[in-house]
N, C-alpha and C. Protein backbone atom coordinates (compact mmCIF):
# COMPACT_ATOMS: atom_id res chain seq x y z
N MET A 1 116.20 100.29 115.09
CA MET A 1 115.12 99.92 114.18
C MET A 1 115.29 100.67 112.86
N THR A 2 115.14 99.95 111.75
CA THR A 2 115.28 100.56 110.43
C THR A 2 114.15 101.56 110.20
N PRO A 3 114.48 102.79 109.75
CA PRO A 3 113.41 103.76 109.50
C PRO A 3 112.53 103.33 108.32
N TRP A 4 111.33 103.85 108.30
CA TRP A 4 110.39 103.50 107.23
C TRP A 4 109.49 104.70 106.96
N ILE A 5 108.78 104.65 105.85
CA ILE A 5 107.86 105.72 105.48
C ILE A 5 106.52 105.12 105.06
N TYR A 6 105.54 106.00 105.00
CA TYR A 6 104.27 105.65 104.36
C TYR A 6 104.35 106.07 102.89
N LEU A 7 103.89 105.21 102.00
CA LEU A 7 103.75 105.56 100.59
C LEU A 7 102.26 105.70 100.30
N ALA A 8 101.85 106.92 99.99
CA ALA A 8 100.43 107.18 99.71
C ALA A 8 100.21 107.08 98.21
N SER A 9 100.30 105.87 97.69
CA SER A 9 100.16 105.63 96.26
C SER A 9 99.73 104.19 96.02
N GLN A 10 98.88 104.01 95.02
CA GLN A 10 98.45 102.66 94.66
C GLN A 10 99.33 102.05 93.57
N SER A 11 100.34 102.79 93.14
CA SER A 11 101.18 102.35 92.01
C SER A 11 102.17 101.27 92.42
N PRO A 12 102.08 100.09 91.81
CA PRO A 12 103.08 99.05 92.11
C PRO A 12 104.47 99.45 91.64
N ARG A 13 104.55 100.33 90.63
CA ARG A 13 105.86 100.77 90.14
C ARG A 13 106.57 101.61 91.20
N ARG A 14 105.82 102.45 91.91
CA ARG A 14 106.45 103.26 92.96
C ARG A 14 106.96 102.38 94.10
N ARG A 15 106.21 101.35 94.42
CA ARG A 15 106.68 100.41 95.45
C ARG A 15 107.98 99.74 95.01
N GLN A 16 108.00 99.32 93.75
CA GLN A 16 109.17 98.65 93.20
C GLN A 16 110.39 99.57 93.24
N LEU A 17 110.19 100.84 92.92
CA LEU A 17 111.31 101.78 92.90
C LEU A 17 111.82 102.07 94.32
N LEU A 18 110.92 102.15 95.30
CA LEU A 18 111.38 102.32 96.68
C LEU A 18 112.16 101.08 97.15
N ASP A 19 111.67 99.91 96.76
CA ASP A 19 112.40 98.68 97.09
C ASP A 19 113.81 98.70 96.48
N GLN A 20 113.90 99.24 95.28
CA GLN A 20 115.18 99.28 94.56
C GLN A 20 116.24 100.05 95.34
N ILE A 21 115.83 101.10 96.05
CA ILE A 21 116.81 101.89 96.82
C ILE A 21 116.77 101.56 98.32
N GLY A 22 116.08 100.48 98.65
CA GLY A 22 116.13 99.97 100.03
C GLY A 22 115.35 100.78 101.04
N VAL A 23 114.26 101.42 100.61
CA VAL A 23 113.44 102.21 101.53
C VAL A 23 112.24 101.38 101.98
N ARG A 24 112.21 101.06 103.26
CA ARG A 24 111.06 100.33 103.82
C ARG A 24 109.84 101.23 103.81
N HIS A 25 108.69 100.66 103.45
CA HIS A 25 107.49 101.49 103.38
C HIS A 25 106.24 100.65 103.63
N ALA A 26 105.23 101.35 104.11
CA ALA A 26 103.89 100.77 104.27
C ALA A 26 102.93 101.62 103.45
N LEU A 27 101.91 101.00 102.90
CA LEU A 27 100.95 101.74 102.08
C LEU A 27 99.96 102.50 102.95
N LEU A 28 99.63 103.70 102.49
CA LEU A 28 98.64 104.54 103.16
C LEU A 28 97.66 104.96 102.07
N LEU A 29 96.67 104.10 101.81
CA LEU A 29 95.81 104.27 100.63
C LEU A 29 94.47 104.91 100.97
N PRO A 30 93.84 105.57 99.98
CA PRO A 30 92.53 106.17 100.21
C PRO A 30 91.50 105.12 100.57
N GLY A 31 90.59 105.49 101.46
CA GLY A 31 89.49 104.61 101.82
C GLY A 31 88.36 104.73 100.81
N PRO A 32 87.34 103.88 100.94
CA PRO A 32 86.21 103.91 100.00
C PRO A 32 85.43 105.22 100.04
N ASP A 33 85.58 105.97 101.13
CA ASP A 33 84.86 107.25 101.26
C ASP A 33 85.62 108.41 100.64
N GLU A 34 86.83 108.15 100.10
CA GLU A 34 87.64 109.22 99.51
C GLU A 34 87.58 109.14 97.99
N ASP A 35 87.39 110.27 97.35
CA ASP A 35 87.38 110.34 95.89
C ASP A 35 88.76 110.79 95.42
N ALA A 36 89.68 109.82 95.35
CA ALA A 36 91.06 110.15 95.01
C ALA A 36 91.18 110.71 93.60
N GLU A 37 90.36 110.20 92.68
CA GLU A 37 90.43 110.66 91.29
C GLU A 37 90.06 112.12 91.16
N ALA A 38 89.20 112.61 92.03
CA ALA A 38 88.77 114.02 91.95
C ALA A 38 89.94 114.97 92.15
N LEU A 39 90.95 114.53 92.90
CA LEU A 39 92.12 115.39 93.14
C LEU A 39 92.88 115.66 91.84
N GLU A 40 92.72 114.77 90.84
CA GLU A 40 93.49 114.87 89.61
C GLU A 40 92.77 115.67 88.51
N THR A 41 91.66 116.27 88.83
CA THR A 41 90.93 117.08 87.84
C THR A 41 91.77 118.30 87.46
N VAL A 42 91.91 118.51 86.16
CA VAL A 42 92.69 119.64 85.66
C VAL A 42 91.85 120.91 85.71
N ARG A 43 92.43 121.99 86.21
CA ARG A 43 91.75 123.28 86.25
C ARG A 43 91.92 124.00 84.91
N PRO A 44 90.98 124.89 84.58
CA PRO A 44 91.08 125.61 83.29
C PRO A 44 92.41 126.36 83.17
N ASN A 45 93.05 126.21 82.01
CA ASN A 45 94.30 126.91 81.68
C ASN A 45 95.46 126.59 82.62
N GLU A 46 95.38 125.46 83.32
CA GLU A 46 96.44 125.10 84.26
C GLU A 46 97.65 124.56 83.51
N ALA A 47 98.83 125.08 83.82
CA ALA A 47 100.06 124.61 83.19
C ALA A 47 100.45 123.25 83.77
N PRO A 48 101.08 122.39 82.97
CA PRO A 48 101.44 121.05 83.45
C PRO A 48 102.27 121.05 84.73
N ARG A 49 103.26 121.94 84.83
CA ARG A 49 104.11 121.97 86.02
C ARG A 49 103.30 122.35 87.26
N ALA A 50 102.47 123.39 87.14
CA ALA A 50 101.63 123.81 88.27
C ALA A 50 100.64 122.70 88.64
N TYR A 51 100.10 122.03 87.62
CA TYR A 51 99.12 120.96 87.85
C TYR A 51 99.72 119.82 88.66
N VAL A 52 100.87 119.30 88.21
CA VAL A 52 101.42 118.10 88.86
C VAL A 52 101.88 118.41 90.28
N GLN A 53 102.38 119.62 90.52
CA GLN A 53 102.78 119.99 91.87
C GLN A 53 101.56 120.19 92.77
N ARG A 54 100.51 120.80 92.25
CA ARG A 54 99.29 121.01 93.05
C ARG A 54 98.67 119.67 93.43
N VAL A 55 98.57 118.77 92.47
CA VAL A 55 97.94 117.46 92.73
C VAL A 55 98.74 116.67 93.76
N THR A 56 100.06 116.73 93.66
CA THR A 56 100.90 116.01 94.62
C THR A 56 100.68 116.52 96.05
N LEU A 57 100.63 117.83 96.20
CA LEU A 57 100.40 118.40 97.54
C LEU A 57 98.99 118.09 98.03
N ALA A 58 98.02 118.06 97.13
CA ALA A 58 96.65 117.70 97.53
C ALA A 58 96.60 116.25 98.00
N LYS A 59 97.31 115.37 97.30
CA LYS A 59 97.38 113.97 97.72
C LYS A 59 98.05 113.85 99.09
N LEU A 60 99.09 114.66 99.30
CA LEU A 60 99.80 114.63 100.58
C LEU A 60 98.90 115.11 101.72
N ASP A 61 98.16 116.18 101.49
CA ASP A 61 97.22 116.68 102.51
C ASP A 61 96.19 115.61 102.86
N ALA A 62 95.66 114.94 101.82
CA ALA A 62 94.67 113.88 102.05
C ALA A 62 95.27 112.73 102.83
N ALA A 63 96.52 112.39 102.53
CA ALA A 63 97.18 111.28 103.23
C ALA A 63 97.46 111.62 104.69
N ARG A 64 97.84 112.86 104.95
CA ARG A 64 98.08 113.27 106.35
C ARG A 64 96.80 113.20 107.16
N ALA A 65 95.70 113.64 106.56
CA ALA A 65 94.41 113.57 107.24
C ALA A 65 94.00 112.12 107.47
N ARG A 66 94.29 111.26 106.50
CA ARG A 66 93.97 109.83 106.58
C ARG A 66 94.73 109.18 107.73
N LEU A 67 96.01 109.53 107.84
CA LEU A 67 96.86 108.99 108.91
C LEU A 67 96.31 109.39 110.28
N GLN A 68 95.92 110.65 110.39
CA GLN A 68 95.41 111.15 111.67
C GLN A 68 94.10 110.46 112.05
N ARG A 69 93.21 110.33 111.06
CA ARG A 69 91.91 109.67 111.31
C ARG A 69 92.09 108.23 111.77
N ALA A 70 93.06 107.54 111.14
CA ALA A 70 93.26 106.12 111.43
C ALA A 70 94.02 105.89 112.72
N GLY A 71 94.66 106.94 113.26
CA GLY A 71 95.44 106.79 114.49
C GLY A 71 96.63 105.88 114.32
N LEU A 72 97.24 105.90 113.14
CA LEU A 72 98.39 105.04 112.86
C LEU A 72 99.67 105.65 113.42
N PRO A 73 100.72 104.84 113.59
CA PRO A 73 101.99 105.38 114.10
C PRO A 73 102.54 106.46 113.17
N ALA A 74 103.18 107.45 113.76
CA ALA A 74 103.74 108.54 112.97
C ALA A 74 104.95 108.07 112.18
N ALA A 75 105.06 108.53 110.94
CA ALA A 75 106.21 108.28 110.08
C ALA A 75 106.10 109.24 108.90
N PRO A 76 107.20 109.54 108.22
CA PRO A 76 107.10 110.40 107.04
C PRO A 76 106.16 109.81 105.99
N ILE A 77 105.53 110.69 105.22
CA ILE A 77 104.59 110.26 104.17
C ILE A 77 105.13 110.75 102.83
N LEU A 78 105.20 109.84 101.88
CA LEU A 78 105.68 110.18 100.53
C LEU A 78 104.52 110.11 99.54
N CYS A 79 104.39 111.16 98.72
CA CYS A 79 103.38 111.20 97.66
C CYS A 79 104.05 111.59 96.36
N ALA A 80 103.46 111.17 95.26
CA ALA A 80 103.97 111.57 93.95
C ALA A 80 102.82 111.60 92.96
N ASP A 81 103.01 112.37 91.90
CA ASP A 81 102.05 112.39 90.80
C ASP A 81 102.81 112.59 89.50
N THR A 82 102.37 111.89 88.47
CA THR A 82 103.02 111.97 87.16
C THR A 82 102.01 112.41 86.13
N THR A 83 102.44 113.31 85.25
CA THR A 83 101.59 113.68 84.12
C THR A 83 102.43 113.76 82.87
N VAL A 84 101.78 113.59 81.74
CA VAL A 84 102.42 113.72 80.43
C VAL A 84 101.89 115.00 79.80
N ALA A 85 102.79 115.79 79.23
CA ALA A 85 102.39 117.06 78.63
C ALA A 85 102.86 117.12 77.19
N LEU A 86 101.93 117.42 76.30
CA LEU A 86 102.24 117.65 74.89
C LEU A 86 102.01 119.14 74.67
N GLY A 87 103.12 119.91 74.70
CA GLY A 87 102.97 121.36 74.77
C GLY A 87 102.36 121.71 76.12
N ARG A 88 101.27 122.46 76.09
CA ARG A 88 100.56 122.78 77.35
C ARG A 88 99.42 121.81 77.63
N ARG A 89 99.18 120.89 76.72
CA ARG A 89 98.10 119.92 76.91
C ARG A 89 98.51 118.85 77.92
N ILE A 90 97.69 118.67 78.93
CA ILE A 90 97.94 117.67 79.97
C ILE A 90 97.24 116.37 79.59
N LEU A 91 98.03 115.31 79.51
CA LEU A 91 97.47 113.98 79.20
C LEU A 91 97.51 113.13 80.47
N GLY A 92 96.37 112.99 81.08
CA GLY A 92 96.29 112.20 82.31
C GLY A 92 96.00 110.74 81.99
N LYS A 93 95.32 110.07 82.89
CA LYS A 93 94.97 108.67 82.67
C LYS A 93 93.76 108.60 81.73
N PRO A 94 93.82 107.78 80.70
CA PRO A 94 92.69 107.70 79.77
C PRO A 94 91.45 107.10 80.44
N ALA A 95 90.29 107.63 80.08
CA ALA A 95 89.03 107.14 80.65
C ALA A 95 88.63 105.81 80.04
N ASP A 96 89.03 105.58 78.78
CA ASP A 96 88.65 104.35 78.08
C ASP A 96 89.63 104.10 76.94
N ALA A 97 89.40 102.99 76.22
CA ALA A 97 90.32 102.62 75.14
C ALA A 97 90.33 103.66 74.02
N GLU A 98 89.20 104.24 73.74
CA GLU A 98 89.13 105.25 72.68
C GLU A 98 90.02 106.46 73.02
N GLU A 99 89.93 106.91 74.26
CA GLU A 99 90.76 108.05 74.67
C GLU A 99 92.23 107.67 74.69
N ALA A 100 92.54 106.44 75.09
CA ALA A 100 93.93 105.97 75.07
C ALA A 100 94.49 106.00 73.65
N CYS A 101 93.71 105.54 72.68
CA CYS A 101 94.14 105.56 71.28
C CYS A 101 94.36 107.00 70.80
N GLU A 102 93.47 107.90 71.20
CA GLU A 102 93.60 109.30 70.78
C GLU A 102 94.87 109.92 71.36
N MET A 103 95.14 109.66 72.64
CA MET A 103 96.34 110.20 73.28
C MET A 103 97.60 109.69 72.59
N LEU A 104 97.66 108.39 72.37
CA LEU A 104 98.86 107.80 71.76
C LEU A 104 99.04 108.27 70.32
N GLY A 105 97.93 108.47 69.62
CA GLY A 105 98.01 109.01 68.27
C GLY A 105 98.59 110.41 68.27
N ALA A 106 98.24 111.20 69.29
CA ALA A 106 98.78 112.56 69.40
C ALA A 106 100.27 112.54 69.75
N LEU A 107 100.70 111.56 70.54
CA LEU A 107 102.10 111.48 70.94
C LEU A 107 103.01 110.90 69.85
N ALA A 108 102.44 110.10 68.96
CA ALA A 108 103.24 109.43 67.93
C ALA A 108 103.97 110.45 67.05
N GLY A 109 105.27 110.25 66.90
CA GLY A 109 106.07 111.13 66.07
C GLY A 109 106.40 112.47 66.70
N GLN A 110 106.08 112.63 67.96
CA GLN A 110 106.26 113.92 68.65
C GLN A 110 107.13 113.76 69.90
N GLU A 111 107.67 114.89 70.35
CA GLU A 111 108.35 114.92 71.65
C GLU A 111 107.38 115.43 72.70
N HIS A 112 107.38 114.79 73.85
CA HIS A 112 106.53 115.24 74.95
C HIS A 112 107.35 115.27 76.24
N ARG A 113 106.77 115.89 77.26
CA ARG A 113 107.41 115.93 78.58
C ARG A 113 106.68 115.00 79.53
N VAL A 114 107.44 114.40 80.43
CA VAL A 114 106.86 113.63 81.53
C VAL A 114 107.29 114.33 82.81
N LEU A 115 106.31 114.81 83.56
CA LEU A 115 106.59 115.55 84.80
C LEU A 115 106.13 114.71 85.98
N THR A 116 107.03 114.48 86.91
CA THR A 116 106.67 113.79 88.15
C THR A 116 107.08 114.66 89.33
N ALA A 117 106.09 115.04 90.11
CA ALA A 117 106.34 115.78 91.34
C ALA A 117 106.33 114.79 92.50
N VAL A 118 107.16 115.06 93.48
CA VAL A 118 107.23 114.22 94.67
C VAL A 118 107.24 115.12 95.90
N ALA A 119 106.57 114.67 96.95
CA ALA A 119 106.51 115.46 98.19
C ALA A 119 106.61 114.52 99.37
N LEU A 120 107.33 114.98 100.40
CA LEU A 120 107.53 114.20 101.62
C LEU A 120 107.11 115.04 102.81
N ALA A 121 106.17 114.52 103.58
CA ALA A 121 105.78 115.17 104.83
C ALA A 121 106.58 114.53 105.95
N ASP A 122 107.39 115.35 106.60
CA ASP A 122 108.23 114.89 107.70
C ASP A 122 107.86 115.73 108.92
N GLY A 123 106.91 115.23 109.71
CA GLY A 123 106.37 116.03 110.80
C GLY A 123 105.64 117.23 110.21
N ALA A 124 105.98 118.42 110.66
CA ALA A 124 105.32 119.62 110.15
C ALA A 124 105.95 120.09 108.83
N ARG A 125 107.12 119.57 108.50
CA ARG A 125 107.82 120.01 107.29
C ARG A 125 107.28 119.29 106.06
N VAL A 126 107.22 120.01 104.93
CA VAL A 126 106.90 119.40 103.64
C VAL A 126 108.05 119.72 102.68
N LEU A 127 108.67 118.66 102.17
CA LEU A 127 109.77 118.79 101.23
C LEU A 127 109.27 118.38 99.85
N GLN A 128 109.70 119.11 98.82
CA GLN A 128 109.18 118.87 97.48
C GLN A 128 110.29 118.76 96.45
N GLY A 129 110.02 118.00 95.40
CA GLY A 129 110.93 117.89 94.27
C GLY A 129 110.14 117.72 92.99
N LEU A 130 110.79 117.98 91.87
CA LEU A 130 110.13 117.86 90.56
C LEU A 130 111.13 117.33 89.55
N SER A 131 110.70 116.33 88.79
CA SER A 131 111.51 115.77 87.70
C SER A 131 110.79 116.06 86.39
N VAL A 132 111.52 116.60 85.42
CA VAL A 132 110.95 116.84 84.08
C VAL A 132 111.82 116.13 83.06
N SER A 133 111.25 115.20 82.34
CA SER A 133 111.98 114.44 81.32
C SER A 133 111.33 114.68 79.96
N ARG A 134 112.11 114.45 78.92
CA ARG A 134 111.61 114.59 77.56
C ARG A 134 111.71 113.24 76.84
N VAL A 135 110.64 112.89 76.16
CA VAL A 135 110.57 111.61 75.45
C VAL A 135 110.07 111.89 74.04
N ARG A 136 110.75 111.29 73.05
CA ARG A 136 110.26 111.40 71.68
C ARG A 136 109.85 110.03 71.18
N PHE A 137 108.60 109.94 70.72
CA PHE A 137 108.09 108.72 70.11
C PHE A 137 108.37 108.75 68.60
N ALA A 138 108.69 107.61 68.05
CA ALA A 138 108.73 107.46 66.60
C ALA A 138 107.29 107.51 66.06
N PRO A 139 107.11 107.73 64.78
CA PRO A 139 105.77 107.60 64.22
C PRO A 139 105.23 106.18 64.46
N VAL A 140 103.98 106.08 64.87
CA VAL A 140 103.36 104.78 65.16
C VAL A 140 102.01 104.75 64.45
N ASP A 141 101.75 103.70 63.70
CA ASP A 141 100.48 103.66 62.96
C ASP A 141 99.33 103.23 63.86
N ALA A 142 98.13 103.49 63.36
CA ALA A 142 96.92 103.25 64.16
C ALA A 142 96.75 101.80 64.55
N ALA A 143 97.17 100.88 63.70
CA ALA A 143 97.01 99.45 64.00
C ALA A 143 97.88 99.05 65.20
N ARG A 144 99.09 99.56 65.25
CA ARG A 144 99.98 99.24 66.38
C ARG A 144 99.46 99.88 67.67
N ILE A 145 98.94 101.08 67.55
CA ILE A 145 98.36 101.74 68.74
C ILE A 145 97.17 100.95 69.26
N THR A 146 96.29 100.54 68.36
CA THR A 146 95.10 99.77 68.76
C THR A 146 95.51 98.45 69.43
N ALA A 147 96.52 97.80 68.87
CA ALA A 147 96.97 96.53 69.45
C ALA A 147 97.55 96.74 70.84
N TYR A 148 98.30 97.84 71.01
CA TYR A 148 98.87 98.13 72.33
C TYR A 148 97.77 98.43 73.34
N VAL A 149 96.80 99.23 72.94
CA VAL A 149 95.70 99.57 73.85
C VAL A 149 94.92 98.32 74.25
N ALA A 150 94.80 97.37 73.31
CA ALA A 150 94.07 96.12 73.58
C ALA A 150 94.73 95.28 74.67
N THR A 151 96.02 95.51 74.93
CA THR A 151 96.69 94.76 76.01
C THR A 151 96.22 95.22 77.38
N GLY A 152 95.61 96.41 77.44
CA GLY A 152 95.16 96.95 78.72
C GLY A 152 96.22 97.74 79.46
N GLU A 153 97.46 97.69 78.98
CA GLU A 153 98.56 98.36 79.69
C GLU A 153 98.37 99.88 79.82
N PRO A 154 97.79 100.56 78.80
CA PRO A 154 97.67 102.02 78.92
C PRO A 154 96.72 102.51 80.00
N MET A 155 95.81 101.67 80.43
CA MET A 155 94.81 102.13 81.39
C MET A 155 95.46 102.38 82.75
N GLY A 156 95.08 103.51 83.35
CA GLY A 156 95.65 103.88 84.65
C GLY A 156 97.02 104.52 84.54
N LYS A 157 97.49 104.79 83.30
CA LYS A 157 98.81 105.39 83.11
C LYS A 157 98.66 106.79 82.51
N ALA A 158 99.37 107.75 83.05
CA ALA A 158 99.39 109.09 82.48
C ALA A 158 99.91 109.01 81.05
N GLY A 159 99.23 109.67 80.12
CA GLY A 159 99.66 109.64 78.74
C GLY A 159 99.36 108.33 78.03
N ALA A 160 98.72 107.40 78.72
CA ALA A 160 98.27 106.12 78.15
C ALA A 160 99.42 105.18 77.76
N TYR A 161 100.56 105.28 78.48
CA TYR A 161 101.61 104.30 78.20
C TYR A 161 102.49 104.11 79.43
N ALA A 162 103.20 102.97 79.41
CA ALA A 162 104.18 102.67 80.45
C ALA A 162 105.54 102.55 79.79
N ILE A 163 106.50 103.35 80.23
CA ILE A 163 107.84 103.35 79.62
C ILE A 163 108.52 102.00 79.79
N GLN A 164 108.17 101.27 80.85
CA GLN A 164 108.80 99.99 81.11
C GLN A 164 108.03 98.84 80.45
N GLY A 165 107.02 99.18 79.64
CA GLY A 165 106.21 98.17 78.99
C GLY A 165 106.41 98.16 77.48
N GLY A 166 105.36 97.77 76.78
CA GLY A 166 105.44 97.61 75.34
C GLY A 166 105.74 98.89 74.58
N ALA A 167 105.34 100.04 75.12
CA ALA A 167 105.57 101.32 74.43
C ALA A 167 107.05 101.69 74.39
N ALA A 168 107.88 100.98 75.12
CA ALA A 168 109.33 101.27 75.09
C ALA A 168 109.90 101.14 73.68
N THR A 169 109.27 100.32 72.85
CA THR A 169 109.78 100.12 71.48
C THR A 169 109.51 101.33 70.59
N TRP A 170 108.71 102.27 71.06
CA TRP A 170 108.40 103.47 70.28
C TRP A 170 109.32 104.65 70.64
N VAL A 171 110.11 104.51 71.68
CA VAL A 171 110.91 105.63 72.18
C VAL A 171 112.16 105.81 71.32
N GLU A 172 112.19 106.87 70.54
CA GLU A 172 113.36 107.19 69.73
C GLU A 172 114.50 107.73 70.59
N ARG A 173 114.14 108.62 71.50
CA ARG A 173 115.15 109.16 72.41
C ARG A 173 114.46 109.67 73.68
N MET A 174 115.28 109.82 74.69
CA MET A 174 114.77 110.19 76.00
C MET A 174 115.84 110.98 76.73
N ALA A 175 115.45 112.04 77.41
CA ALA A 175 116.38 112.82 78.21
C ALA A 175 115.74 113.10 79.56
N GLY A 176 116.44 112.75 80.62
CA GLY A 176 115.88 112.99 81.96
C GLY A 176 116.00 111.77 82.84
N SER A 177 114.95 111.51 83.60
CA SER A 177 114.97 110.46 84.62
C SER A 177 114.07 109.30 84.21
N TYR A 178 114.67 108.13 83.99
CA TYR A 178 113.87 106.95 83.64
C TYR A 178 112.90 106.61 84.77
N SER A 179 113.41 106.65 86.02
CA SER A 179 112.53 106.33 87.15
C SER A 179 111.44 107.39 87.30
N GLY A 180 111.77 108.64 86.94
CA GLY A 180 110.75 109.68 86.97
C GLY A 180 109.65 109.42 85.97
N ILE A 181 110.01 108.93 84.79
CA ILE A 181 109.02 108.58 83.77
C ILE A 181 108.18 107.40 84.25
N MET A 182 108.79 106.48 84.99
CA MET A 182 108.04 105.36 85.56
C MET A 182 107.06 105.82 86.63
N GLY A 183 107.37 106.94 87.31
CA GLY A 183 106.43 107.43 88.31
C GLY A 183 107.02 107.87 89.63
N LEU A 184 108.33 107.63 89.84
CA LEU A 184 108.96 108.07 91.09
C LEU A 184 110.43 108.38 90.82
N PRO A 185 110.79 109.64 90.63
CA PRO A 185 112.18 109.98 90.33
C PRO A 185 113.09 109.70 91.52
N LEU A 186 113.98 108.73 91.37
CA LEU A 186 114.76 108.27 92.52
C LEU A 186 115.78 109.30 92.98
N PHE A 187 116.34 110.09 92.07
CA PHE A 187 117.30 111.11 92.49
C PHE A 187 116.62 112.13 93.40
N GLU A 188 115.47 112.65 92.96
CA GLU A 188 114.75 113.65 93.76
C GLU A 188 114.21 113.04 95.05
N THR A 189 113.72 111.80 94.98
CA THR A 189 113.19 111.14 96.18
C THR A 189 114.29 110.93 97.22
N ALA A 190 115.45 110.46 96.76
CA ALA A 190 116.57 110.25 97.69
C ALA A 190 117.02 111.56 98.31
N ARG A 191 117.00 112.63 97.52
CA ARG A 191 117.40 113.94 98.05
C ARG A 191 116.44 114.39 99.15
N LEU A 192 115.14 114.19 98.94
CA LEU A 192 114.17 114.57 99.98
C LEU A 192 114.39 113.76 101.25
N LEU A 193 114.63 112.46 101.09
CA LEU A 193 114.84 111.61 102.26
C LEU A 193 116.11 112.00 103.01
N ARG A 194 117.16 112.33 102.26
CA ARG A 194 118.39 112.78 102.92
C ARG A 194 118.17 114.09 103.65
N ASP A 195 117.40 115.00 103.03
CA ASP A 195 117.08 116.28 103.69
C ASP A 195 116.30 116.05 104.97
N ALA A 196 115.56 114.94 105.02
CA ALA A 196 114.79 114.60 106.23
C ALA A 196 115.62 113.79 107.22
N GLY A 197 116.91 113.59 106.92
CA GLY A 197 117.80 112.94 107.87
C GLY A 197 118.09 111.49 107.61
N TRP A 198 117.63 110.96 106.49
CA TRP A 198 117.87 109.56 106.16
C TRP A 198 119.29 109.37 105.63
N SER A 199 119.83 108.17 105.83
CA SER A 199 121.08 107.78 105.22
C SER A 199 120.78 106.69 104.21
N LEU A 200 121.01 107.00 102.93
CA LEU A 200 120.69 106.02 101.87
C LEU A 200 121.97 105.50 101.26
């Protein structure tokens, strides 16, 4: 039987990336009684790297508890979290269009980091990885930002943009992991799966 994992994420991009490397997966999503967004609250003076790793492990703990409550078959659980950092400022998912415009205005003409942490629970073991990429946006005027936000694409995205969407035309240069910027760094994910005994 082909091995498979649980993906504890609502992101269609993460599903697409797992499909790309041939990893069978089933979704393990929060129930209506779980406040998943609360896990992403930034703590005072929290550094972006510490934040994204803490949130990923918190998501993993919640997913393990969810699996146990539901009495589902045992399988490894994969979690990930992505954040955008401008210096030490953490840019999460915008609450509304106004905040999305403000975030994108701050990123325009600047270099920022995209950090994606990934964690795999394999029985009692927890394996972790971290991808850090750098992206530089060209200067973008307010009218173009407003038009992009009006498409709705920035909502639900860290830093208010999707690298695989319309904002790709603003990227002057990029260093790091494209899949990590999308939300699931495939190099780090494959390494965790291999460490857990998978053959990819």
